[in-house]
N, C-alpha and C. Protein backbone atom coordinates (compact mmCIF):
# COMPACT_ATOMS: atom_id res chain seq x y z
N UNK A 1 80.89 173.42 75.95
CA UNK A 1 81.04 172.58 77.12
C UNK A 1 80.88 171.10 76.76
N UNK A 2 79.93 170.80 75.89
CA UNK A 2 79.69 169.43 75.45
C UNK A 2 80.88 168.90 74.66
N UNK A 3 81.48 169.75 73.78
CA UNK A 3 82.63 169.33 72.99
C UNK A 3 83.84 169.06 73.87
N UNK A 4 84.09 169.90 74.86
CA UNK A 4 85.24 169.66 75.74
C UNK A 4 85.04 168.40 76.56
N UNK A 5 83.83 168.10 76.96
CA UNK A 5 83.54 166.87 77.69
C UNK A 5 83.79 165.65 76.84
N UNK A 6 83.47 165.73 75.54
CA UNK A 6 83.70 164.63 74.62
C UNK A 6 85.19 164.37 74.44
N UNK A 7 85.98 165.44 74.29
CA UNK A 7 87.43 165.29 74.10
C UNK A 7 88.07 164.71 75.36
N UNK A 8 87.64 165.16 76.52
CA UNK A 8 88.22 164.68 77.78
C UNK A 8 87.91 163.22 78.02
N UNK A 9 86.74 162.77 77.54
CA UNK A 9 86.32 161.38 77.77
C UNK A 9 87.12 160.39 76.92
N UNK A 10 87.77 160.85 75.85
CA UNK A 10 88.51 159.95 74.98
C UNK A 10 89.89 159.70 75.57
N UNK A 11 89.93 158.92 76.63
CA UNK A 11 91.15 158.71 77.38
C UNK A 11 91.82 157.38 77.13
N UNK A 12 91.24 156.52 76.32
CA UNK A 12 91.86 155.22 76.05
C UNK A 12 91.47 154.74 74.67
N UNK A 13 92.23 153.74 74.17
CA UNK A 13 91.90 153.15 72.87
C UNK A 13 92.39 151.71 72.81
N UNK A 14 91.72 150.96 71.94
CA UNK A 14 92.11 149.60 71.59
C UNK A 14 92.64 149.65 70.16
N UNK A 15 93.54 148.73 69.83
CA UNK A 15 94.01 148.67 68.45
C UNK A 15 94.24 147.23 68.02
N UNK A 16 94.18 147.02 66.70
CA UNK A 16 94.49 145.73 66.10
C UNK A 16 95.29 146.02 64.83
N UNK A 17 96.50 145.45 64.73
CA UNK A 17 97.40 145.73 63.61
C UNK A 17 97.88 144.46 62.92
N UNK A 18 98.03 144.57 61.61
CA UNK A 18 98.75 143.58 60.82
C UNK A 18 100.22 143.91 60.99
N UNK A 19 101.07 142.90 61.22
CA UNK A 19 102.47 143.12 61.57
C UNK A 19 103.38 142.33 60.64
N UNK A 20 104.20 143.04 59.85
CA UNK A 20 105.16 142.42 58.92
C UNK A 20 106.53 142.50 59.58
N UNK A 21 107.26 141.38 59.62
CA UNK A 21 108.53 141.31 60.35
C UNK A 21 109.66 140.72 59.52
N UNK A 22 110.88 141.19 59.82
CA UNK A 22 112.11 140.68 59.20
C UNK A 22 112.99 140.15 60.33
N UNK A 23 113.40 138.87 60.29
CA UNK A 23 114.29 138.36 61.34
C UNK A 23 115.69 138.96 61.20
N UNK A 24 116.32 139.24 62.32
CA UNK A 24 117.67 139.83 62.32
C UNK A 24 118.71 138.92 62.96
N UNK A 25 118.28 137.90 63.70
CA UNK A 25 119.21 136.98 64.36
C UNK A 25 119.29 135.67 63.57
N UNK A 26 120.48 135.10 63.48
CA UNK A 26 120.72 133.81 62.81
C UNK A 26 120.00 133.72 61.46
N UNK A 27 120.27 134.68 60.58
CA UNK A 27 119.58 134.72 59.28
C UNK A 27 120.01 133.59 58.34
N UNK A 28 121.03 132.82 58.70
CA UNK A 28 121.35 131.65 57.88
C UNK A 28 120.30 130.55 58.08
N UNK A 29 119.58 130.59 59.21
CA UNK A 29 118.54 129.60 59.46
C UNK A 29 117.19 130.05 58.90
N UNK A 30 116.80 131.30 59.18
CA UNK A 30 115.62 131.92 58.56
C UNK A 30 115.96 133.37 58.27
N UNK A 31 115.77 133.78 57.01
CA UNK A 31 116.01 135.17 56.63
C UNK A 31 114.81 135.81 55.94
N UNK A 32 113.78 135.01 55.67
CA UNK A 32 112.62 135.50 54.91
C UNK A 32 111.74 136.43 55.73
N UNK A 33 111.27 137.51 55.09
CA UNK A 33 110.31 138.42 55.69
C UNK A 33 108.99 137.70 55.87
N UNK A 34 108.33 137.94 57.00
CA UNK A 34 107.05 137.30 57.29
C UNK A 34 105.94 138.34 57.31
N UNK A 35 104.90 138.08 56.54
CA UNK A 35 103.70 138.94 56.59
C UNK A 35 102.61 138.30 57.44
N UNK A 36 102.96 137.21 58.13
CA UNK A 36 102.00 136.50 58.98
C UNK A 36 102.23 136.88 60.44
N UNK A 37 101.67 138.03 60.80
CA UNK A 37 101.81 138.48 62.17
C UNK A 37 100.72 139.47 62.52
N UNK A 38 100.47 139.63 63.79
CA UNK A 38 99.45 140.57 64.27
C UNK A 38 99.86 141.09 65.64
N UNK A 39 99.32 142.24 65.97
CA UNK A 39 99.57 142.83 67.28
C UNK A 39 98.30 143.55 67.70
N UNK A 40 97.88 143.35 68.92
CA UNK A 40 96.73 144.08 69.43
C UNK A 40 97.00 144.51 70.86
N UNK A 41 96.26 145.53 71.29
CA UNK A 41 96.52 146.02 72.62
C UNK A 41 95.56 147.10 73.06
N UNK A 42 95.86 147.64 74.22
CA UNK A 42 95.04 148.66 74.88
C UNK A 42 95.97 149.74 75.42
N UNK A 43 95.56 151.01 75.30
CA UNK A 43 96.30 152.13 75.85
C UNK A 43 95.37 153.02 76.66
N UNK A 44 95.88 153.53 77.75
CA UNK A 44 95.15 154.48 78.61
C UNK A 44 95.99 155.74 78.70
N UNK A 45 95.42 156.88 78.30
CA UNK A 45 96.12 158.16 78.41
C UNK A 45 96.25 158.55 79.88
N UNK A 46 97.39 159.14 80.22
CA UNK A 46 97.65 159.59 81.59
C UNK A 46 97.71 161.11 81.56
N UNK A 47 96.81 161.76 82.28
CA UNK A 47 96.77 163.22 82.32
C UNK A 47 95.85 163.80 81.27
N UNK A 48 95.37 165.01 81.53
CA UNK A 48 94.41 165.67 80.64
C UNK A 48 95.04 166.11 79.32
N UNK A 49 96.36 166.30 79.29
CA UNK A 49 97.02 166.76 78.06
C UNK A 49 97.25 165.63 77.06
N UNK A 50 97.07 164.39 77.46
CA UNK A 50 97.24 163.22 76.60
C UNK A 50 98.63 163.15 75.96
N UNK A 51 99.66 163.39 76.77
CA UNK A 51 101.04 163.28 76.28
C UNK A 51 101.62 161.90 76.53
N UNK A 52 101.11 161.21 77.54
CA UNK A 52 101.61 159.89 77.91
C UNK A 52 100.47 158.88 77.90
N UNK A 53 100.81 157.64 77.57
CA UNK A 53 99.83 156.55 77.65
C UNK A 53 100.58 155.28 78.07
N UNK A 54 99.86 154.40 78.72
CA UNK A 54 100.42 153.11 79.12
C UNK A 54 99.38 152.03 78.84
N UNK A 55 99.85 150.80 78.63
CA UNK A 55 98.92 149.72 78.36
C UNK A 55 99.61 148.40 78.14
N UNK A 56 98.88 147.48 77.52
CA UNK A 56 99.36 146.12 77.26
C UNK A 56 99.36 145.84 75.76
N UNK A 57 100.33 145.03 75.33
CA UNK A 57 100.42 144.57 73.93
C UNK A 57 100.50 143.06 73.91
N UNK A 58 99.85 142.45 72.94
CA UNK A 58 100.00 141.02 72.66
C UNK A 58 100.33 140.91 71.18
N UNK A 59 101.37 140.15 70.85
CA UNK A 59 101.73 140.00 69.44
C UNK A 59 102.09 138.55 69.12
N UNK A 60 101.97 138.22 67.86
CA UNK A 60 102.46 136.94 67.38
C UNK A 60 102.99 137.12 65.96
N UNK A 61 103.91 136.27 65.57
CA UNK A 61 104.45 136.27 64.21
C UNK A 61 104.87 134.84 63.87
N UNK A 62 104.75 134.51 62.60
CA UNK A 62 105.13 133.18 62.13
C UNK A 62 106.10 133.34 60.97
N UNK A 63 107.31 132.82 61.14
CA UNK A 63 108.35 132.86 60.11
C UNK A 63 108.52 131.46 59.55
N UNK A 64 108.66 131.36 58.23
CA UNK A 64 108.88 130.05 57.61
C UNK A 64 109.77 130.22 56.39
N UNK A 65 110.70 129.28 56.23
CA UNK A 65 111.58 129.33 55.06
C UNK A 65 111.80 127.91 54.54
N UNK A 66 111.61 127.74 53.23
CA UNK A 66 111.82 126.44 52.57
C UNK A 66 113.30 126.24 52.30
N UNK A 67 113.79 125.04 52.56
CA UNK A 67 115.18 124.68 52.28
C UNK A 67 115.19 123.52 51.29
N UNK A 68 115.95 123.62 50.20
CA UNK A 68 115.98 122.54 49.21
C UNK A 68 116.63 121.28 49.75
N UNK A 69 116.55 120.22 48.99
CA UNK A 69 117.01 118.90 49.41
C UNK A 69 118.48 118.90 49.82
N UNK A 70 118.72 118.31 51.00
CA UNK A 70 120.07 118.15 51.54
C UNK A 70 120.22 116.73 52.08
N UNK A 71 121.45 116.31 52.24
CA UNK A 71 121.74 115.02 52.87
C UNK A 71 122.39 115.28 54.23
N UNK A 72 121.80 114.67 55.27
CA UNK A 72 122.30 114.81 56.63
C UNK A 72 122.88 113.48 57.09
N UNK A 73 124.13 113.48 57.49
CA UNK A 73 124.78 112.27 57.97
C UNK A 73 124.39 112.04 59.43
N UNK A 74 123.97 110.82 59.75
CA UNK A 74 123.59 110.42 61.10
C UNK A 74 124.49 109.25 61.53
N UNK A 75 124.58 108.95 62.82
CA UNK A 75 125.41 107.81 63.26
C UNK A 75 124.97 106.49 62.62
N UNK A 76 123.66 106.34 62.34
CA UNK A 76 123.15 105.09 61.78
C UNK A 76 122.93 105.13 60.27
N UNK A 77 123.35 106.20 59.60
CA UNK A 77 123.14 106.31 58.16
C UNK A 77 122.99 107.77 57.75
N UNK A 78 122.22 107.99 56.70
CA UNK A 78 122.03 109.34 56.18
C UNK A 78 120.57 109.57 55.85
N UNK A 79 120.15 110.83 55.91
CA UNK A 79 118.79 111.23 55.53
C UNK A 79 118.92 112.29 54.44
N UNK A 80 118.17 112.10 53.35
CA UNK A 80 118.12 113.08 52.26
C UNK A 80 116.69 113.57 52.14
N UNK A 81 116.50 114.88 52.30
CA UNK A 81 115.15 115.44 52.27
C UNK A 81 115.19 116.95 52.08
N UNK A 82 114.09 117.51 51.61
CA UNK A 82 113.91 118.95 51.69
C UNK A 82 113.13 119.23 52.98
N UNK A 83 113.09 120.48 53.43
CA UNK A 83 112.48 120.75 54.74
C UNK A 83 112.11 122.22 54.87
N UNK A 84 111.40 122.54 55.94
CA UNK A 84 111.03 123.91 56.29
C UNK A 84 111.58 124.24 57.67
N UNK A 85 112.17 125.42 57.78
CA UNK A 85 112.53 125.97 59.09
C UNK A 85 111.43 126.94 59.49
N UNK A 86 110.96 126.85 60.74
CA UNK A 86 109.85 127.67 61.21
C UNK A 86 110.19 128.29 62.57
N UNK A 87 109.66 129.47 62.79
CA UNK A 87 109.69 130.09 64.11
C UNK A 87 108.31 130.68 64.37
N UNK A 88 107.71 130.29 65.47
CA UNK A 88 106.48 130.93 65.94
C UNK A 88 106.87 131.80 67.12
N UNK A 89 106.52 133.07 67.06
CA UNK A 89 106.88 134.02 68.11
C UNK A 89 105.61 134.56 68.75
N UNK A 90 105.59 134.58 70.08
CA UNK A 90 104.47 135.13 70.85
C UNK A 90 105.04 136.07 71.89
N UNK A 91 104.49 137.28 72.01
CA UNK A 91 104.99 138.24 72.98
C UNK A 91 103.88 138.90 73.77
N UNK A 92 104.20 139.25 75.00
CA UNK A 92 103.28 139.96 75.89
C UNK A 92 104.11 141.05 76.58
N UNK A 93 103.66 142.32 76.44
CA UNK A 93 104.46 143.42 76.98
C UNK A 93 103.60 144.50 77.61
N UNK A 94 104.16 145.14 78.62
CA UNK A 94 103.60 146.37 79.19
C UNK A 94 104.31 147.50 78.46
N UNK A 95 103.53 148.45 77.90
CA UNK A 95 104.11 149.48 77.05
C UNK A 95 103.74 150.88 77.52
N UNK A 96 104.63 151.80 77.24
CA UNK A 96 104.39 153.21 77.51
C UNK A 96 104.76 154.04 76.29
N UNK A 97 104.02 155.11 76.02
CA UNK A 97 104.27 155.97 74.87
C UNK A 97 104.26 157.43 75.29
N UNK A 98 105.08 158.21 74.59
CA UNK A 98 105.03 159.67 74.68
C UNK A 98 104.52 160.18 73.35
N UNK A 99 103.49 161.03 73.38
CA UNK A 99 102.87 161.58 72.17
C UNK A 99 103.36 163.01 71.95
N UNK A 100 103.87 163.27 70.75
CA UNK A 100 104.40 164.58 70.42
C UNK A 100 103.27 165.50 69.98
N UNK A 101 103.28 166.76 70.41
CA UNK A 101 102.19 167.67 70.06
C UNK A 101 102.19 168.01 68.56
N UNK A 102 101.02 167.90 67.94
CA UNK A 102 100.82 168.30 66.54
C UNK A 102 99.50 169.05 66.48
N UNK A 103 99.53 170.28 66.02
CA UNK A 103 98.34 171.12 65.84
C UNK A 103 97.47 171.12 67.09
N UNK A 104 96.18 170.76 66.93
CA UNK A 104 95.23 170.84 68.06
C UNK A 104 95.16 169.55 68.88
N UNK A 105 95.97 168.52 68.54
CA UNK A 105 96.01 167.24 69.25
C UNK A 105 94.66 166.52 69.24
N UNK A 106 93.89 166.71 68.18
CA UNK A 106 92.60 166.04 68.08
C UNK A 106 92.60 164.95 67.00
N UNK A 107 93.51 165.02 66.02
CA UNK A 107 93.50 164.04 64.93
C UNK A 107 94.80 163.27 64.78
N UNK A 108 95.95 163.93 64.96
CA UNK A 108 97.25 163.30 64.70
C UNK A 108 98.03 163.16 66.01
N UNK A 109 98.50 161.92 66.25
CA UNK A 109 99.21 161.62 67.49
C UNK A 109 100.49 160.84 67.18
N UNK A 110 101.58 161.51 66.73
CA UNK A 110 102.85 160.79 66.57
C UNK A 110 103.41 160.43 67.95
N UNK A 111 104.07 159.29 68.03
CA UNK A 111 104.55 158.84 69.34
C UNK A 111 105.84 158.05 69.24
N UNK A 112 106.51 157.92 70.37
CA UNK A 112 107.64 157.01 70.55
C UNK A 112 107.39 156.27 71.85
N UNK A 113 107.74 155.00 71.88
CA UNK A 113 107.44 154.23 73.09
C UNK A 113 108.37 153.06 73.30
N UNK A 114 108.15 152.39 74.42
CA UNK A 114 108.94 151.22 74.79
C UNK A 114 108.03 150.20 75.46
N UNK A 115 108.16 148.95 75.04
CA UNK A 115 107.45 147.85 75.67
C UNK A 115 108.43 146.88 76.31
N UNK A 116 108.10 146.38 77.49
CA UNK A 116 108.92 145.41 78.19
C UNK A 116 108.04 144.25 78.63
N UNK A 117 108.51 143.03 78.44
CA UNK A 117 107.69 141.89 78.82
C UNK A 117 108.39 140.57 78.58
N UNK A 118 107.63 139.60 78.09
CA UNK A 118 108.14 138.24 77.86
C UNK A 118 107.81 137.80 76.45
N UNK A 119 108.67 136.95 75.91
CA UNK A 119 108.49 136.43 74.55
C UNK A 119 108.74 134.93 74.56
N UNK A 120 107.91 134.18 73.84
CA UNK A 120 108.10 132.75 73.67
C UNK A 120 108.36 132.50 72.18
N UNK A 121 109.43 131.78 71.90
CA UNK A 121 109.74 131.40 70.53
C UNK A 121 109.75 129.89 70.43
N UNK A 122 109.05 129.36 69.43
CA UNK A 122 109.07 127.93 69.13
C UNK A 122 109.83 127.75 67.82
N UNK A 123 110.99 127.11 67.88
CA UNK A 123 111.83 126.86 66.71
C UNK A 123 111.56 125.42 66.26
N UNK A 124 111.36 125.23 64.95
CA UNK A 124 111.12 123.86 64.49
C UNK A 124 111.64 123.66 63.07
N UNK A 125 111.93 122.39 62.77
CA UNK A 125 112.29 121.95 61.43
C UNK A 125 111.30 120.86 61.05
N UNK A 126 110.62 121.03 59.91
CA UNK A 126 109.62 120.06 59.44
C UNK A 126 110.11 119.42 58.15
N UNK A 127 110.18 118.10 58.15
CA UNK A 127 110.57 117.36 56.96
C UNK A 127 109.66 116.14 56.84
N UNK A 128 109.05 116.04 55.67
CA UNK A 128 108.07 114.98 55.40
C UNK A 128 107.01 115.01 56.50
N UNK A 129 106.80 113.94 57.23
CA UNK A 129 105.77 113.92 58.27
C UNK A 129 106.37 114.15 59.66
N UNK A 130 107.67 114.46 59.74
CA UNK A 130 108.35 114.60 61.03
C UNK A 130 108.65 116.06 61.33
N UNK A 131 108.68 116.38 62.61
CA UNK A 131 109.02 117.73 63.06
C UNK A 131 109.88 117.64 64.31
N UNK A 132 110.98 118.39 64.30
CA UNK A 132 111.80 118.59 65.50
C UNK A 132 111.49 119.98 66.00
N UNK A 133 111.25 120.12 67.31
CA UNK A 133 110.85 121.42 67.83
C UNK A 133 111.46 121.67 69.21
N UNK A 134 111.76 122.94 69.46
CA UNK A 134 112.24 123.38 70.76
C UNK A 134 111.67 124.77 71.01
N UNK A 135 111.20 125.03 72.21
CA UNK A 135 110.66 126.35 72.52
C UNK A 135 111.30 126.89 73.80
N UNK A 136 111.33 128.21 73.90
CA UNK A 136 111.89 128.83 75.10
C UNK A 136 111.28 130.22 75.30
N UNK A 137 111.30 130.64 76.57
CA UNK A 137 110.82 131.97 76.95
C UNK A 137 112.01 132.86 77.22
N UNK A 138 111.80 134.17 77.04
CA UNK A 138 112.86 135.13 77.33
C UNK A 138 112.29 136.51 77.61
N UNK A 139 113.12 137.39 78.07
CA UNK A 139 112.76 138.78 78.30
C UNK A 139 112.60 139.48 76.96
N UNK A 140 111.60 140.36 76.82
CA UNK A 140 111.33 141.08 75.57
C UNK A 140 111.46 142.58 75.80
N UNK A 141 112.20 143.26 74.93
CA UNK A 141 112.28 144.72 74.90
C UNK A 141 111.89 145.17 73.50
N UNK A 142 110.96 146.15 73.41
CA UNK A 142 110.45 146.58 72.11
C UNK A 142 110.36 148.10 72.02
N UNK A 143 111.39 148.79 71.50
CA UNK A 143 111.23 150.21 71.17
C UNK A 143 110.35 150.35 69.92
N UNK A 144 109.58 151.44 69.86
CA UNK A 144 108.61 151.60 68.78
C UNK A 144 108.37 153.08 68.52
N UNK A 145 108.11 153.44 67.26
CA UNK A 145 107.72 154.80 66.90
C UNK A 145 106.60 154.70 65.86
N UNK A 146 105.61 155.57 65.98
CA UNK A 146 104.50 155.51 65.05
C UNK A 146 103.59 156.72 65.13
N UNK A 147 102.41 156.55 64.55
CA UNK A 147 101.43 157.64 64.55
C UNK A 147 100.02 157.06 64.61
N UNK A 148 99.16 157.74 65.35
CA UNK A 148 97.73 157.47 65.36
C UNK A 148 97.06 158.59 64.56
N UNK A 149 96.12 158.24 63.70
CA UNK A 149 95.40 159.24 62.92
C UNK A 149 93.91 158.96 63.08
N UNK A 150 93.22 159.88 63.73
CA UNK A 150 91.77 159.73 63.88
C UNK A 150 91.09 160.16 62.59
N UNK A 151 90.00 159.51 62.22
CA UNK A 151 89.28 159.82 60.97
C UNK A 151 88.65 161.22 61.01
N UNK A 152 88.44 161.73 62.17
CA UNK A 152 87.89 163.08 62.37
C UNK A 152 88.10 163.44 63.82
N UNK A 153 88.04 164.74 64.12
CA UNK A 153 88.32 165.20 65.48
C UNK A 153 87.38 164.58 66.51
N UNK A 154 86.16 164.25 66.12
CA UNK A 154 85.17 163.70 67.06
C UNK A 154 84.84 162.24 66.76
N UNK A 155 85.62 161.60 65.91
CA UNK A 155 85.35 160.21 65.54
C UNK A 155 86.10 159.25 66.43
N UNK A 156 85.51 158.10 66.67
CA UNK A 156 86.15 157.07 67.49
C UNK A 156 87.14 156.23 66.71
N UNK A 157 86.93 156.08 65.41
CA UNK A 157 87.74 155.19 64.57
C UNK A 157 88.97 155.92 64.03
N UNK A 158 90.09 155.22 63.97
CA UNK A 158 91.31 155.80 63.42
C UNK A 158 92.24 154.74 62.88
N UNK A 159 93.35 155.18 62.34
CA UNK A 159 94.38 154.31 61.79
C UNK A 159 95.63 154.41 62.64
N UNK A 160 96.43 153.36 62.60
CA UNK A 160 97.67 153.32 63.36
C UNK A 160 98.75 152.73 62.47
N UNK A 161 99.94 153.35 62.45
CA UNK A 161 101.09 152.82 61.73
C UNK A 161 102.31 152.98 62.62
N UNK A 162 103.19 151.98 62.63
CA UNK A 162 104.36 152.05 63.51
C UNK A 162 105.46 151.13 63.01
N UNK A 163 106.68 151.48 63.36
CA UNK A 163 107.82 150.61 63.15
C UNK A 163 108.33 150.18 64.53
N UNK A 164 108.87 148.97 64.63
CA UNK A 164 109.35 148.49 65.92
C UNK A 164 110.55 147.57 65.75
N UNK A 165 111.29 147.43 66.83
CA UNK A 165 112.41 146.51 66.91
C UNK A 165 112.18 145.64 68.14
N UNK A 166 112.14 144.32 67.97
CA UNK A 166 111.93 143.40 69.09
C UNK A 166 113.24 142.67 69.39
N UNK A 167 113.62 142.69 70.66
CA UNK A 167 114.78 141.93 71.10
C UNK A 167 114.33 141.01 72.23
N UNK A 168 114.59 139.71 72.07
CA UNK A 168 114.21 138.73 73.08
C UNK A 168 115.42 137.91 73.48
N UNK A 169 115.51 137.59 74.77
CA UNK A 169 116.60 136.74 75.25
C UNK A 169 116.26 135.25 75.08
N UNK A 170 115.19 134.94 74.38
CA UNK A 170 114.81 133.55 74.10
C UNK A 170 115.95 132.84 73.37
N UNK A 171 116.35 131.67 73.86
CA UNK A 171 117.52 130.96 73.32
C UNK A 171 117.15 129.56 72.85
N UNK A 172 117.95 129.05 71.93
CA UNK A 172 117.85 127.66 71.51
C UNK A 172 119.23 127.17 71.10
N UNK A 173 119.80 126.28 71.89
CA UNK A 173 121.12 125.73 71.57
C UNK A 173 121.04 124.86 70.31
N UNK A 174 119.96 124.09 70.17
CA UNK A 174 119.80 123.19 69.02
C UNK A 174 119.72 123.94 67.70
N UNK A 175 119.10 125.12 67.72
CA UNK A 175 118.92 125.89 66.49
C UNK A 175 119.86 127.10 66.42
N UNK A 176 120.84 127.14 67.32
CA UNK A 176 121.91 128.14 67.33
C UNK A 176 121.39 129.57 67.45
N UNK A 177 120.47 129.79 68.39
CA UNK A 177 119.98 131.13 68.71
C UNK A 177 120.40 131.49 70.12
N UNK A 178 121.24 132.52 70.26
CA UNK A 178 121.59 133.06 71.58
C UNK A 178 120.54 134.05 72.04
N UNK A 179 119.79 134.60 71.09
CA UNK A 179 118.67 135.51 71.32
C UNK A 179 117.88 135.56 70.02
N UNK A 180 116.76 136.22 70.04
CA UNK A 180 115.99 136.39 68.81
C UNK A 180 115.61 137.85 68.68
N UNK A 181 115.86 138.43 67.51
CA UNK A 181 115.47 139.82 67.27
C UNK A 181 114.88 139.95 65.88
N UNK A 182 113.99 140.91 65.73
CA UNK A 182 113.38 141.20 64.45
C UNK A 182 112.96 142.66 64.40
N UNK A 183 112.84 143.17 63.18
CA UNK A 183 112.33 144.53 62.96
C UNK A 183 111.01 144.38 62.23
N UNK A 184 110.07 145.27 62.50
CA UNK A 184 108.76 145.12 61.87
C UNK A 184 108.07 146.44 61.60
N UNK A 185 107.05 146.33 60.76
CA UNK A 185 106.17 147.46 60.46
C UNK A 185 104.74 146.98 60.65
N UNK A 186 103.94 147.78 61.35
CA UNK A 186 102.56 147.40 61.59
C UNK A 186 101.61 148.49 61.11
N UNK A 187 100.46 148.04 60.65
CA UNK A 187 99.43 148.94 60.14
C UNK A 187 98.08 148.37 60.54
N UNK A 188 97.21 149.23 61.07
CA UNK A 188 95.92 148.70 61.49
C UNK A 188 94.96 149.80 61.91
N UNK A 189 94.00 149.38 62.74
CA UNK A 189 92.95 150.30 63.17
C UNK A 189 93.01 150.49 64.68
N UNK A 190 92.48 151.63 65.13
CA UNK A 190 92.33 151.88 66.54
C UNK A 190 90.91 152.40 66.78
N UNK A 191 90.41 152.11 67.97
CA UNK A 191 89.08 152.56 68.36
C UNK A 191 89.19 153.28 69.69
N UNK A 192 88.91 154.58 69.67
CA UNK A 192 88.94 155.37 70.90
C UNK A 192 87.73 154.98 71.75
N UNK A 193 87.94 154.92 73.02
CA UNK A 193 86.87 154.57 73.94
C UNK A 193 86.25 155.87 74.45
N UNK A 194 84.93 155.97 74.30
CA UNK A 194 84.21 157.19 74.73
C UNK A 194 83.63 157.02 76.10
C-alpha cells in the first residue's frame, strides 16, 4: 500500500537540459551549430496511468558565426572589416506529451510531444565596437521526441534526452529571415515531485 501511494504521488517533474541547436533557415547568414543553449520546464501527468502530461517550457539559444574581412560599399564611402553574425533566441511554450508504455512504467518513459507558444529572436551584426540589431516576436511550434529515465523505480532523480524541431514565424527584413527554424538535441536532468 505504501509503495502504490509513492508511485501515485509522482505526478509531476521539473527538468533542466543543455540544448545543442543547428540553424535551418538562412544558413548563408549563420550555419554554425550552437552548443550555447538551455531548456527548462515543468510537466504535470494527467490521469493515474501517466500516459499524458502537460506543462511549460522556457528555452534560449545563442548562435554566433565569425565572418572574415569584407568591404561594404556605402553611399558615403566604404567600410572594410571582419564581423560576427549573432542570433539570440528565446522561447516560451505550453507543451503536451504522450508517453509510450515500456515494461512496468516505473523507470523508462519514451514520449512524443508538441509545444506551442511564442519566440523572440534578436538578430545582430557586430563589427569592431559597433552593433546593428533587430529583434522580433513570432509564433513558435516545437514537435519533440525523447525519453525520461529514472535512476531507480523509487528515485526522484532521472535523466532526460530529446530531439526537437523549432519553427518560429519571427521575421527580419534587414537580415533576410522570413521565419527562423532550428533542429536540436537536449540532454539533462529531471526531478520527480513527490
